[in-house]
PDB file of N, CA and C in Angstrom:
ATOM      1  N   THR A   1      12.860 -38.133   6.825  1.00  0.00           N
ATOM      2  CA  THR A   1      13.439 -38.472   8.113  1.00  0.00           C
ATOM      3  C   THR A   1      12.692 -37.719   9.203  1.00  0.00           C
ATOM      4  N   PRO A   2      12.719 -38.236  10.429  1.00  0.00           N
ATOM      5  CA  PRO A   2      12.018 -37.552  11.522  1.00  0.00           C
ATOM      6  C   PRO A   2      12.545 -36.145  11.779  1.00  0.00           C
ATOM      7  N   ALA A   3      13.865 -35.956  11.637  1.00  0.00           N
ATOM      8  CA  ALA A   3      14.431 -34.630  11.885  1.00  0.00           C
ATOM      9  C   ALA A   3      13.900 -33.625  10.867  1.00  0.00           C
ATOM     10  N   THR A   4      13.768 -34.070   9.613  1.00  0.00           N
ATOM     11  CA  THR A   4      13.248 -33.186   8.569  1.00  0.00           C
ATOM     12  C   THR A   4      11.793 -32.835   8.849  1.00  0.00           C
ATOM     13  N   ARG A   5      10.989 -33.825   9.245  1.00  0.00           N
ATOM     14  CA  ARG A   5       9.586 -33.567   9.548  1.00  0.00           C
ATOM     15  C   ARG A   5       9.451 -32.609  10.720  1.00  0.00           C
ATOM     16  N   GLN A   6      10.293 -32.788  11.717  1.00  0.00           N
ATOM     17  CA  GLN A   6      10.234 -31.907  12.876  1.00  0.00           C
ATOM     18  C   GLN A   6      10.632 -30.487  12.482  1.00  0.00           C
ATOM     19  N   HIS A   7      11.615 -30.357  11.604  1.00  0.00           N
ATOM     20  CA  HIS A   7      12.058 -29.046  11.152  1.00  0.00           C
ATOM     21  C   HIS A   7      10.987 -28.367  10.313  1.00  0.00           C
ATOM     22  N   MET A   8      10.198 -29.161   9.581  1.00  0.00           N
ATOM     23  CA  MET A   8       9.172 -28.600   8.706  1.00  0.00           C
ATOM     24  C   MET A   8       7.956 -28.120   9.493  1.00  0.00           C
ATOM     25  N   ALA A   9       7.753 -28.632  10.691  1.00  0.00           N
ATOM     26  CA  ALA A   9       6.604 -28.203  11.482  1.00  0.00           C
ATOM     27  C   ALA A   9       6.763 -26.739  11.854  1.00  0.00           C
ATOM     28  N   VAL A  10       5.761 -25.979  11.540  1.00  0.00           N
ATOM     29  CA  VAL A  10       5.798 -24.548  11.805  1.00  0.00           C
ATOM     30  C   VAL A  10       4.841 -24.250  12.945  1.00  0.00           C
ATOM     31  N   SER A  11       5.349 -23.586  13.952  1.00  0.00           N
ATOM     32  CA  SER A  11       4.469 -23.217  15.051  1.00  0.00           C
ATOM     33  C   SER A  11       4.116 -21.741  14.907  1.00  0.00           C
ATOM     34  N   GLY A  12       2.930 -21.436  15.299  1.00  0.00           N
ATOM     35  CA  GLY A  12       2.456 -20.059  15.230  1.00  0.00           C
ATOM     36  C   GLY A  12       1.475 -19.829  16.347  1.00  0.00           C
ATOM     37  N   PRO A  13       0.821 -18.687  16.339  1.00  0.00           N
ATOM     38  CA  PRO A  13      -0.151 -18.405  17.389  1.00  0.00           C
ATOM     39  C   PRO A  13      -1.322 -19.383  17.318  1.00  0.00           C
ATOM     40  N   ALA A  14      -1.906 -19.646  18.462  1.00  0.00           N
ATOM     41  CA  ALA A  14      -3.044 -20.553  18.535  1.00  0.00           C
ATOM     42  C   ALA A  14      -4.281 -19.898  17.926  1.00  0.00           C
ATOM     43  N   ALA A  15      -5.237 -20.722  17.551  1.00  0.00           N
ATOM     44  CA  ALA A  15      -6.457 -20.226  16.903  1.00  0.00           C
ATOM     45  C   ALA A  15      -7.193 -19.178  17.741  1.00  0.00           C
ATOM     46  N   PRO A  16      -7.343 -19.352  19.063  1.00  0.00           N
ATOM     47  CA  PRO A  16      -8.029 -18.302  19.835  1.00  0.00           C
ATOM     48  C   PRO A  16      -7.293 -16.958  19.792  1.00  0.00           C
ATOM     49  N   GLN A  17      -5.968 -16.999  19.763  1.00  0.00           N
ATOM     50  CA  GLN A  17      -5.210 -15.749  19.679  1.00  0.00           C
ATOM     51  C   GLN A  17      -5.434 -15.078  18.332  1.00  0.00           C
ATOM     52  N   ILE A  18      -5.434 -15.861  17.283  1.00  0.00           N
ATOM     53  CA  ILE A  18      -5.671 -15.307  15.947  1.00  0.00           C
ATOM     54  C   ILE A  18      -7.069 -14.706  15.868  1.00  0.00           C
ATOM     55  N   PHE A  19      -8.057 -15.437  16.395  1.00  0.00           N
ATOM     56  CA  PHE A  19      -9.444 -14.946  16.366  1.00  0.00           C
ATOM     57  C   PHE A  19      -9.587 -13.654  17.154  1.00  0.00           C
ATOM     58  N   SER A  20      -9.022 -13.619  18.364  1.00  0.00           N
ATOM     59  CA  SER A  20      -9.180 -12.419  19.192  1.00  0.00           C
ATOM     60  C   SER A  20      -8.493 -11.216  18.548  1.00  0.00           C
ATOM     61  N   ARG A  21      -7.340 -11.435  17.937  1.00  0.00           N
ATOM     62  CA  ARG A  21      -6.641 -10.339  17.260  1.00  0.00           C
ATOM     63  C   ARG A  21      -7.468  -9.842  16.067  1.00  0.00           C
ATOM     64  N   ALA A  22      -8.006 -10.770  15.283  1.00  0.00           N
ATOM     65  CA  ALA A  22      -8.819 -10.389  14.125  1.00  0.00           C
ATOM     66  C   ALA A  22     -10.097  -9.673  14.567  1.00  0.00           C
ATOM     67  N   PHE A  23     -10.698 -10.148  15.662  1.00  0.00           N
ATOM     68  CA  PHE A  23     -11.913  -9.510  16.163  1.00  0.00           C
ATOM     69  C   PHE A  23     -11.633  -8.085  16.602  1.00  0.00           C
ATOM     70  N   LEU A  24     -10.530  -7.865  17.304  1.00  0.00           N
ATOM     71  CA  LEU A  24     -10.191  -6.511  17.755  1.00  0.00           C
ATOM     72  C   LEU A  24      -9.946  -5.580  16.574  1.00  0.00           C
ATOM     73  N   VAL A  25      -9.282  -6.080  15.552  1.00  0.00           N
ATOM     74  CA  VAL A  25      -9.035  -5.251  14.369  1.00  0.00           C
ATOM     75  C   VAL A  25     -10.355  -4.900  13.688  1.00  0.00           C
ATOM     76  N   ALA A  26     -11.226  -5.898  13.518  1.00  0.00           N
ATOM     77  CA  ALA A  26     -12.507  -5.655  12.844  1.00  0.00           C
ATOM     78  C   ALA A  26     -13.418  -4.756  13.668  1.00  0.00           C
ATOM     79  N   ALA A  27     -13.451  -4.977  14.986  1.00  0.00           N
ATOM     80  CA  ALA A  27     -14.346  -4.191  15.840  1.00  0.00           C
ATOM     81  C   ALA A  27     -13.895  -2.742  15.960  1.00  0.00           C
ATOM     82  N   SER A  28     -12.611  -2.492  15.819  1.00  0.00           N
ATOM     83  CA  SER A  28     -12.110  -1.128  15.946  1.00  0.00           C
ATOM     84  C   SER A  28     -12.017  -0.408  14.599  1.00  0.00           C
ATOM     85  N   ASN A  29     -12.445  -1.052  13.539  1.00  0.00           N
ATOM     86  CA  ASN A  29     -12.398  -0.450  12.211  1.00  0.00           C
ATOM     87  C   ASN A  29     -13.500   0.603  12.095  1.00  0.00           C
ATOM     88  N   PRO A  30     -13.151   1.869  11.919  1.00  0.00           N
ATOM     89  CA  PRO A  30     -14.184   2.907  11.844  1.00  0.00           C
ATOM     90  C   PRO A  30     -15.124   2.738  10.648  1.00  0.00           C
ATOM     91  N   LYS A  31     -14.648   2.136   9.560  1.00  0.00           N
ATOM     92  CA  LYS A  31     -15.531   1.933   8.413  1.00  0.00           C
ATOM     93  C   LYS A  31     -16.671   0.992   8.767  1.00  0.00           C
ATOM     94  N   GLY A  32     -16.369  -0.038   9.543  1.00  0.00           N
ATOM     95  CA  GLY A  32     -17.417  -0.968   9.966  1.00  0.00           C
ATOM     96  C   GLY A  32     -18.430  -0.294  10.862  1.00  0.00           C
ATOM     97  N   ILE A  33     -17.965   0.540  11.765  1.00  0.00           N
ATOM     98  CA  ILE A  33     -18.861   1.250  12.673  1.00  0.00           C
ATOM     99  C   ILE A  33     -19.767   2.198  11.897  1.00  0.00           C
ATOM    100  N   VAL A  34     -19.204   2.935  10.952  1.00  0.00           N
ATOM    101  CA  VAL A  34     -20.002   3.855  10.128  1.00  0.00           C
ATOM    102  C   VAL A  34     -21.001   3.067   9.277  1.00  0.00           C
ATOM    103  N   PHE A  35     -20.577   1.928   8.747  1.00  0.00           N
ATOM    104  CA  PHE A  35     -21.466   1.092   7.936  1.00  0.00           C
ATOM    105  C   PHE A  35     -22.686   0.673   8.741  1.00  0.00           C
ATOM    106  N   PHE A  36     -22.456   0.158   9.944  1.00  0.00           N
ATOM    107  CA  PHE A  36     -23.582  -0.292  10.759  1.00  0.00           C
ATOM    108  C   PHE A  36     -24.429   0.880  11.240  1.00  0.00           C
ATOM    109  N   ALA A  37     -23.808   2.008  11.524  1.00  0.00           N
ATOM    110  CA  ALA A  37     -24.572   3.177  11.950  1.00  0.00           C
ATOM    111  C   ALA A  37     -25.477   3.683  10.827  1.00  0.00           C
ATOM    112  N   ALA A  38     -25.066   3.490   9.594  1.00  0.00           N
ATOM    113  CA  ALA A  38     -25.881   3.915   8.458  1.00  0.00           C
ATOM    114  C   ALA A  38     -26.892   2.851   8.046  1.00  0.00           C
ATOM    115  N   LEU A  39     -26.547   1.573   8.219  1.00  0.00           N
ATOM    116  CA  LEU A  39     -27.406   0.500   7.733  1.00  0.00           C
ATOM    117  C   LEU A  39     -28.513   0.119   8.715  1.00  0.00           C
ATOM    118  N   PHE A  40     -28.164  -0.114   9.955  1.00  0.00           N
ATOM    119  CA  PHE A  40     -29.127  -0.658  10.904  1.00  0.00           C
ATOM    120  C   PHE A  40     -30.341   0.229  11.170  1.00  0.00           C
ATOM    121  N   PRO A  41     -30.224   1.546  11.299  1.00  0.00           N
ATOM    122  CA  PRO A  41     -31.415   2.355  11.616  1.00  0.00           C
ATOM    123  C   PRO A  41     -32.548   2.214  10.611  1.00  0.00           C
ATOM    124  N   GLN A  42     -32.253   1.886   9.386  1.00  0.00           N
ATOM    125  CA  GLN A  42     -33.299   1.724   8.371  1.00  0.00           C
ATOM    126  C   GLN A  42     -34.223   0.555   8.680  1.00  0.00           C
ATOM    127  N   PHE A  43     -33.724  -0.399   9.468  1.00  0.00           N
ATOM    128  CA  PHE A  43     -34.488  -1.610   9.738  1.00  0.00           C
ATOM    129  C   PHE A  43     -34.969  -1.698  11.185  1.00  0.00           C
ATOM    130  N   ILE A  44     -34.834  -0.612  11.927  1.00  0.00           N
ATOM    131  CA  ILE A  44     -35.263  -0.585  13.321  1.00  0.00           C
ATOM    132  C   ILE A  44     -36.689  -0.043  13.401  1.00  0.00           C
ATOM    133  N   GLU A  45     -37.552  -0.771  14.062  1.00  0.00           N
ATOM    134  CA  GLU A  45     -38.929  -0.336  14.285  1.00  0.00           C
ATOM    135  C   GLU A  45     -38.989   0.323  15.662  1.00  0.00           C
ATOM    136  N   PRO A  46     -39.293   1.632  15.737  1.00  0.00           N
ATOM    137  CA  PRO A  46     -39.233   2.346  17.020  1.00  0.00           C
ATOM    138  C   PRO A  46     -40.131   1.765  18.114  1.00  0.00           C
ATOM    139  N   GLY A  47     -41.247   1.143  17.779  1.00  0.00           N
ATOM    140  CA  GLY A  47     -42.170   0.654  18.795  1.00  0.00           C
ATOM    141  C   GLY A  47     -41.795  -0.691  19.392  1.00  0.00           C
ATOM    142  N   LEU A  48     -40.780  -1.359  18.836  1.00  0.00           N
ATOM    143  CA  LEU A  48     -40.394  -2.690  19.310  1.00  0.00           C
ATOM    144  C   LEU A  48     -39.117  -2.615  20.148  1.00  0.00           C
ATOM    145  N   PRO A  49     -38.862  -3.627  20.983  1.00  0.00           N
ATOM    146  CA  PRO A  49     -37.662  -3.613  21.833  1.00  0.00           C
ATOM    147  C   PRO A  49     -36.377  -3.579  20.987  1.00  0.00           C
ATOM    148  N   LEU A  50     -35.508  -2.628  21.294  1.00  0.00           N
ATOM    149  CA  LEU A  50     -34.278  -2.418  20.529  1.00  0.00           C
ATOM    150  C   LEU A  50     -33.286  -3.573  20.642  1.00  0.00           C
ATOM    151  N   PRO A  51     -33.017  -4.111  21.835  1.00  0.00           N
ATOM    152  CA  PRO A  51     -32.009  -5.190  21.916  1.00  0.00           C
ATOM    153  C   PRO A  51     -32.351  -6.396  21.034  1.00  0.00           C
ATOM    154  N   MET A  52     -33.608  -6.778  20.982  1.00  0.00           N
ATOM    155  CA  MET A  52     -33.996  -7.935  20.160  1.00  0.00           C
ATOM    156  C   MET A  52     -33.805  -7.637  18.677  1.00  0.00           C
ATOM    157  N   GLN A  53     -34.149  -6.425  18.266  1.00  0.00           N
ATOM    158  CA  GLN A  53     -33.980  -6.050  16.863  1.00  0.00           C
ATOM    159  C   GLN A  53     -32.512  -6.038  16.469  1.00  0.00           C
ATOM    160  N   LEU A  54     -31.678  -5.452  17.331  1.00  0.00           N
ATOM    161  CA  LEU A  54     -30.249  -5.415  17.030  1.00  0.00           C
ATOM    162  C   LEU A  54     -29.658  -6.815  17.000  1.00  0.00           C
ATOM    163  N   THR A  55     -30.116  -7.683  17.885  1.00  0.00           N
ATOM    164  CA  THR A  55     -29.632  -9.061  17.896  1.00  0.00           C
ATOM    165  C   THR A  55     -30.006  -9.776  16.604  1.00  0.00           C
ATOM    166  N   LEU A  56     -31.247  -9.614  16.163  1.00  0.00           N
ATOM    167  CA  LEU A  56     -31.674 -10.250  14.919  1.00  0.00           C
ATOM    168  C   LEU A  56     -30.919  -9.702  13.712  1.00  0.00           C
ATOM    169  N   LEU A  57     -30.729  -8.392  13.664  1.00  0.00           N
ATOM    170  CA  LEU A  57     -29.976  -7.802  12.558  1.00  0.00           C
ATOM    171  C   LEU A  57     -28.526  -8.279  12.551  1.00  0.00           C
ATOM    172  N   ALA A  58     -27.918  -8.330  13.728  1.00  0.00           N
ATOM    173  CA  ALA A  58     -26.525  -8.787  13.811  1.00  0.00           C
ATOM    174  C   ALA A  58     -26.404 -10.246  13.397  1.00  0.00           C
ATOM    175  N   CYS A  59     -27.344 -11.084  13.843  1.00  0.00           N
ATOM    176  CA  CYS A  59     -27.309 -12.503  13.454  1.00  0.00           C
ATOM    177  C   CYS A  59     -27.494 -12.672  11.950  1.00  0.00           C
ATOM    178  N   ALA A  60     -28.421 -11.909  11.380  1.00  0.00           N
ATOM    179  CA  ALA A  60     -28.633 -11.986   9.927  1.00  0.00           C
ATOM    180  C   ALA A  60     -27.381 -11.546   9.182  1.00  0.00           C
ATOM    181  N   PHE A  61     -26.757 -10.460   9.651  1.00  0.00           N
ATOM    182  CA  PHE A  61     -25.541  -9.986   9.001  1.00  0.00           C
ATOM    183  C   PHE A  61     -24.432 -11.025   9.106  1.00  0.00           C
ATOM    184  N   LEU A  62     -24.245 -11.607  10.286  1.00  0.00           N
ATOM    185  CA  LEU A  62     -23.194 -12.617  10.470  1.00  0.00           C
ATOM    186  C   LEU A  62     -23.434 -13.842   9.596  1.00  0.00           C
ATOM    187  N   LEU A  63     -24.679 -14.258   9.468  1.00  0.00           N
ATOM    188  CA  LEU A  63     -24.992 -15.405   8.626  1.00  0.00           C
ATOM    189  C   LEU A  63     -24.672 -15.113   7.160  1.00  0.00           C
ATOM    190  N   ILE A  64     -25.138 -13.974   6.676  1.00  0.00           N
ATOM    191  CA  ILE A  64     -24.890 -13.612   5.277  1.00  0.00           C
ATOM    192  C   ILE A  64     -23.400 -13.423   5.025  1.00  0.00           C
ATOM    193  N   ASP A  65     -22.718 -12.712   5.920  1.00  0.00           N
ATOM    194  CA  ASP A  65     -21.287 -12.482   5.751  1.00  0.00           C
ATOM    195  C   ASP A  65     -20.506 -13.784   5.832  1.00  0.00           C
ATOM    196  N   GLY A  66     -20.895 -14.664   6.739  1.00  0.00           N
ATOM    197  CA  GLY A  66     -20.217 -15.954   6.849  1.00  0.00           C
ATOM    198  C   GLY A  66     -20.359 -16.783   5.587  1.00  0.00           C
ATOM    199  N   LEU A  67     -21.557 -16.768   5.005  1.00  0.00           N
ATOM    200  CA  LEU A  67     -21.758 -17.504   3.758  1.00  0.00           C
ATOM    201  C   LEU A  67     -20.920 -16.920   2.623  1.00  0.00           C
ATOM    202  N   TRP A  68     -20.833 -15.582   2.564  1.00  0.00           N
ATOM    203  CA  TRP A  68     -19.997 -14.963   1.533  1.00  0.00           C
ATOM    204  C   TRP A  68     -18.530 -15.317   1.729  1.00  0.00           C
ATOM    205  N   GLN A  69     -18.068 -15.325   2.975  1.00  0.00           N
ATOM    206  CA  GLN A  69     -16.669 -15.682   3.242  1.00  0.00           C
ATOM    207  C   GLN A  69     -16.386 -17.121   2.815  1.00  0.00           C
ATOM    208  N   LEU A  70     -17.337 -18.021   3.089  1.00  0.00           N
ATOM    209  CA  LEU A  70     -17.169 -19.406   2.644  1.00  0.00           C
ATOM    210  C   LEU A  70     -17.136 -19.497   1.125  1.00  0.00           C
ATOM    211  N   LEU A  71     -17.979 -18.711   0.466  1.00  0.00           N
ATOM    212  CA  LEU A  71     -17.991 -18.697  -0.995  1.00  0.00           C
ATOM    213  C   LEU A  71     -16.660 -18.183  -1.545  1.00  0.00           C
ATOM    214  N   TYR A  72     -16.130 -17.104  -0.961  1.00  0.00           N
ATOM    215  CA  TYR A  72     -14.819 -16.593  -1.390  1.00  0.00           C
ATOM    216  C   TYR A  72     -13.727 -17.638  -1.190  1.00  0.00           C
ATOM    217  N   ALA A  73     -13.741 -18.306  -0.041  1.00  0.00           N
ATOM    218  CA  ALA A  73     -12.717 -19.314   0.245  1.00  0.00           C
ATOM    219  C   ALA A  73     -12.812 -20.476  -0.732  1.00  0.00           C
ATOM    220  N   ALA A  74     -14.028 -20.951  -0.993  1.00  0.00           N
ATOM    221  CA  ALA A  74     -14.205 -22.057  -1.933  1.00  0.00           C
ATOM    222  C   ALA A  74     -13.793 -21.642  -3.343  1.00  0.00           C
ATOM    223  N   GLY A  75     -14.168 -20.432  -3.739  1.00  0.00           N
ATOM    224  CA  GLY A  75     -13.779 -19.946  -5.059  1.00  0.00           C
ATOM    225  C   GLY A  75     -12.272 -19.784  -5.182  1.00  0.00           C
ATOM    226  N   GLY A  76     -11.653 -19.269  -4.143  1.00  0.00           N
ATOM    227  CA  GLY A  76     -10.188 -19.123  -4.165  1.00  0.00           C
ATOM    228  C   GLY A  76      -9.487 -20.459  -4.231  1.00  0.00           C
ATOM    229  N   ASN A  77     -10.013 -21.435  -3.505  1.00  0.00           N
ATOM    230  CA  ASN A  77      -9.421 -22.772  -3.538  1.00  0.00           C
ATOM    231  C   ASN A  77      -9.565 -23.396  -4.922  1.00  0.00           C
ATOM    232  N   THR A  78     -10.741 -23.253  -5.515  1.00  0.00           N
ATOM    233  CA  THR A  78     -10.974 -23.796  -6.856  1.00  0.00           C
ATOM    234  C   THR A  78     -10.079 -23.102  -7.871  1.00  0.00           C
ATOM    235  N   LEU A  79      -9.996 -21.771  -7.785  1.00  0.00           N
ATOM    236  CA  LEU A  79      -9.151 -21.025  -8.719  1.00  0.00           C
ATOM    237  C   LEU A  79      -7.679 -21.378  -8.541  1.00  0.00           C
ATOM    238  N   SER A  80      -7.267 -21.561  -7.309  1.00  0.00           N
ATOM    239  CA  SER A  80      -5.880 -21.938  -7.039  1.00  0.00           C
ATOM    240  C   SER A  80      -5.552 -23.279  -7.681  1.00  0.00           C
ATOM    241  N   ASN A  81      -6.447 -24.239  -7.512  1.00  0.00           N
ATOM    242  CA  ASN A  81      -6.224 -25.551  -8.130  1.00  0.00           C
ATOM    243  C   ASN A  81      -6.233 -25.451  -9.650  1.00  0.00           C
ATOM    244  N   TRP A  82      -7.110 -24.609 -10.195  1.00  0.00           N
ATOM    245  CA  TRP A  82      -7.190 -24.448 -11.647  1.00  0.00           C
ATOM    246  C   TRP A  82      -5.918 -23.816 -12.203  1.00  0.00           C
ATOM    247  N   LEU A  83      -5.345 -22.863 -11.461  1.00  0.00           N
ATOM    248  CA  LEU A  83      -4.150 -22.158 -11.937  1.00  0.00           C
ATOM    249  C   LEU A  83      -2.860 -22.937 -11.729  1.00  0.00           C
ATOM    250  N   LYS A  84      -2.923 -24.090 -11.076  1.00  0.00           N
ATOM    251  CA  LYS A  84      -1.711 -24.898 -10.905  1.00  0.00           C
ATOM    252  C   LYS A  84      -1.250 -25.514 -12.214  1.00  0.00           C
ATOM    253  N   ASN A  85      -2.104 -25.508 -13.205  1.00  0.00           N
ATOM    254  CA  ASN A  85      -1.757 -26.017 -14.523  1.00  0.00           C
ATOM    255  C   ASN A  85      -0.945 -24.939 -15.256  1.00  0.00           C
ATOM    256  N   PRO A  86       0.319 -25.226 -15.622  1.00  0.00           N
ATOM    257  CA  PRO A  86       1.156 -24.206 -16.282  1.00  0.00           C
ATOM    258  C   PRO A  86       0.569 -23.678 -17.587  1.00  0.00           C
ATOM    259  N   ALA A  87      -0.164 -24.508 -18.315  1.00  0.00           N
ATOM    260  CA  ALA A  87      -0.754 -24.039 -19.576  1.00  0.00           C
ATOM    261  C   ALA A  87      -1.796 -22.958 -19.307  1.00  0.00           C
ATOM    262  N   ARG A  88      -2.586 -23.142 -18.253  1.00  0.00           N
ATOM    263  CA  ARG A  88      -3.608 -22.144 -17.914  1.00  0.00           C
ATOM    264  C   ARG A  88      -2.968 -20.852 -17.429  1.00  0.00           C
ATOM    265  N   THR A  89      -1.918 -20.980 -16.633  1.00  0.00           N
ATOM    266  CA  THR A  89      -1.214 -19.784 -16.159  1.00  0.00           C
ATOM    267  C   THR A  89      -0.608 -19.021 -17.335  1.00  0.00           C
ATOM    268  N   GLY A  90      -0.050 -19.756 -18.308  1.00  0.00           N
ATOM    269  CA  GLY A  90       0.498 -19.118 -19.500  1.00  0.00           C
ATOM    270  C   GLY A  90      -0.575 -18.405 -20.293  1.00  0.00           C
ATOM    271  N   LEU A  91      -1.758 -19.017 -20.387  1.00  0.00           N
ATOM    272  CA  LEU A  91      -2.868 -18.385 -21.098  1.00  0.00           C
ATOM    273  C   LEU A  91      -3.278 -17.085 -20.417  1.00  0.00           C
ATOM    274  N   ILE A  92      -3.371 -17.108 -19.101  1.00  0.00           N
ATOM    275  CA  ILE A  92      -3.720 -15.890 -18.352  1.00  0.00           C
ATOM    276  C   ILE A  92      -2.659 -14.811 -18.598  1.00  0.00           C
ATOM    277  N   ASN A  93      -1.379 -15.199 -18.587  1.00  0.00           N
ATOM    278  CA  ASN A  93      -0.305 -14.232 -18.834  1.00  0.00           C
ATOM    279  C   ASN A  93      -0.411 -13.634 -20.233  1.00  0.00           C
ATOM    280  N   LYS A  94      -0.719 -14.454 -21.222  1.00  0.00           N
ATOM    281  CA  LYS A  94      -0.827 -13.950 -22.596  1.00  0.00           C
ATOM    282  C   LYS A  94      -2.019 -13.001 -22.743  1.00  0.00           C
ATOM    283  N   ILE A  95      -3.136 -13.367 -22.148  1.00  0.00           N
ATOM    284  CA  ILE A  95      -4.319 -12.501 -22.215  1.00  0.00           C
ATOM    285  C   ILE A  95      -4.048 -11.173 -21.511  1.00  0.00           C
ATOM    286  N   SER A  96      -3.460 -11.241 -20.321  1.00  0.00           N
ATOM    287  CA  SER A  96      -3.153 -10.014 -19.570  1.00  0.00           C
ATOM    288  C   SER A  96      -2.176  -9.136 -20.336  1.00  0.00           C
ATOM    289  N   GLY A  97      -1.155  -9.741 -20.912  1.00  0.00           N
ATOM    290  CA  GLY A  97      -0.184  -8.979 -21.696  1.00  0.00           C
ATOM    291  C   GLY A  97      -0.827  -8.335 -22.901  1.00  0.00           C
ATOM    292  N   GLY A  98      -1.720  -9.059 -23.568  1.00  0.00           N
ATOM    293  CA  GLY A  98      -2.421  -8.505 -24.724  1.00  0.00           C
ATOM    294  C   GLY A  98      -3.311  -7.328 -24.345  1.00  0.00           C
ATOM    295  N   VAL A  99      -3.996  -7.452 -23.209  1.00  0.00           N
ATOM    296  CA  VAL A  99      -4.855  -6.356 -22.746  1.00  0.00           C
ATOM    297  C   VAL A  99      -3.999  -5.124 -22.422  1.00  0.00           C
ATOM    298  N   LEU A 100      -2.880  -5.317 -21.732  1.00  0.00           N
ATOM    299  CA  LEU A 100      -2.015  -4.185 -21.397  1.00  0.00           C
ATOM    300  C   LEU A 100      -1.407  -3.552 -22.646  1.00  0.00           C
ATOM    301  N   ALA A 101      -0.963  -4.366 -23.586  1.00  0.00           N
ATOM    302  CA  ALA A 101      -0.396  -3.824 -24.825  1.00  0.00           C
ATOM    303  C   ALA A 101      -1.465  -3.067 -25.610  1.00  0.00           C
ATOM    304  N   GLY A 102      -2.666  -3.655 -25.696  1.00  0.00           N
ATOM    305  CA  GLY A 102      -3.766  -2.975 -26.390  1.00  0.00           C
ATOM    306  C   GLY A 102      -4.133  -1.665 -25.722  1.00  0.00           C
ATOM    307  N   SER A 103      -4.139  -1.640 -24.406  1.00  0.00           N
ATOM    308  CA  SER A 103      -4.434  -0.394 -23.682  1.00  0.00           C
ATOM    309  C   SER A 103      -3.373   0.658 -23.961  1.00  0.00           C
ATOM    310  N   GLY A 104      -2.133   0.234 -24.001  1.00  0.00           N
ATOM    311  CA  GLY A 104      -1.053   1.178 -24.309  1.00  0.00           C
ATOM    312  C   GLY A 104      -1.172   1.750 -25.713  1.00  0.00           C
ATOM    313  N   ILE A 105      -1.520   0.913 -26.645  1.00  0.00           N
ATOM    314  CA  ILE A 105      -1.688   1.381 -28.036  1.00  0.00           C
ATOM    315  C   ILE A 105      -2.857   2.362 -28.129  1.00  0.00           C
ATOM    316  N   LEU A 106      -3.974   2.007 -27.492  1.00  0.00           N
ATOM    317  CA  LEU A 106      -5.134   2.926 -27.503  1.00  0.00           C
ATOM    318  C   LEU A 106      -4.804   4.248 -26.835  1.00  0.00           C
ATOM    319  N   LEU A 107      -4.054   4.210 -25.745  1.00  0.00           N
ATOM    320  CA  LEU A 107      -3.659   5.437 -25.058  1.00  0.00           C
ATOM    321  C   LEU A 107      -2.763   6.280 -25.964  1.00  0.00           C
ATOM    322  N   ALA A 108      -1.853   5.635 -26.665  1.00  0.00           N
ATOM    323  CA  ALA A 108      -0.976   6.374 -27.583  1.00  0.00           C
ATOM    324  C   ALA A 108      -1.785   7.012 -28.709  1.00  0.00           C
ATOM    325  N   ILE A 109      -2.754   6.282 -29.213  1.00  0.00           N
ATOM    326  CA  ILE A 109      -3.596   6.822 -30.304  1.00  0.00           C
ATOM    327  C   ILE A 109      -4.432   7.996 -29.781  1.00  0.00           C
ATOM    328  N   GLU A 110      -5.015   7.871 -28.601  1.00  0.00           N
ATOM    329  CA  GLU A 110      -5.858   8.933 -28.035  1.00  0.00           C
ATOM    330  C   GLU A 110      -5.058  10.195 -27.727  1.00  0.00           C
ATOM    331  N   THR A 111      -3.825  10.058 -27.286  1.00  0.00           N
ATOM    332  CA  THR A 111      -3.030  11.230 -26.942  1.00  0.00           C
ATOM    333  C   THR A 111      -2.284  11.793 -28.151  1.00  0.00           C
ATOM    334  N   GLY A 112      -2.379  11.122 -29.300  1.00  0.00           N
ATOM    335  CA  GLY A 112      -1.760  11.639 -30.506  1.00  0.00           C
ATOM    336  C   GLY A 112      -0.295  11.286 -30.660  1.00  0.00           C
ATOM    337  N   ILE A 113       0.198  10.346 -29.910  1.00  0.00           N
ATOM    338  CA  ILE A 113       1.576   9.919 -30.041  1.00  0.00           C
ATOM    339  C   ILE A 113       1.666   8.997 -31.237  1.00  0.00           C
ATOM    340  N   SER A 114       2.603   9.291 -32.143  1.00  0.00           N
ATOM    341  CA  SER A 114       2.746   8.433 -33.325  1.00  0.00           C
ATOM    342  C   SER A 114       3.568   7.211 -32.955  1.00  0.00           C
ATOM    343  N   LEU A 115       3.112   6.079 -33.426  1.00  0.00           N
ATOM    344  CA  LEU A 115       3.807   4.822 -33.163  1.00  0.00           C
ATOM    345  C   LEU A 115       4.819   4.637 -34.212  1.00  0.00           C
TER     346      LEU A 115
END
């Protein structure tokens, strides 16, 4: 019914707001600043103009990072579709449970606890 469809529509912040918020969080992350401060100087040639070098390095980083993000998204989407099958999810649960049980048994044996 139209009322149900209208109720199901979820409103949230617009894409520019989400982008600007994410950009501010990423730009203010001290780990990112330290990473670039440690990485970029290795590729800077002192005799060449600095702004052009930094622009090229930043563009290369954005391209590589963007491709990795797309790869993660595609892989997550594929894995999500693969895990929608209950038999596969059950298999993952059984394997995980077996690994945890085996780890517990090995830990008990290593610490000398009698089973």
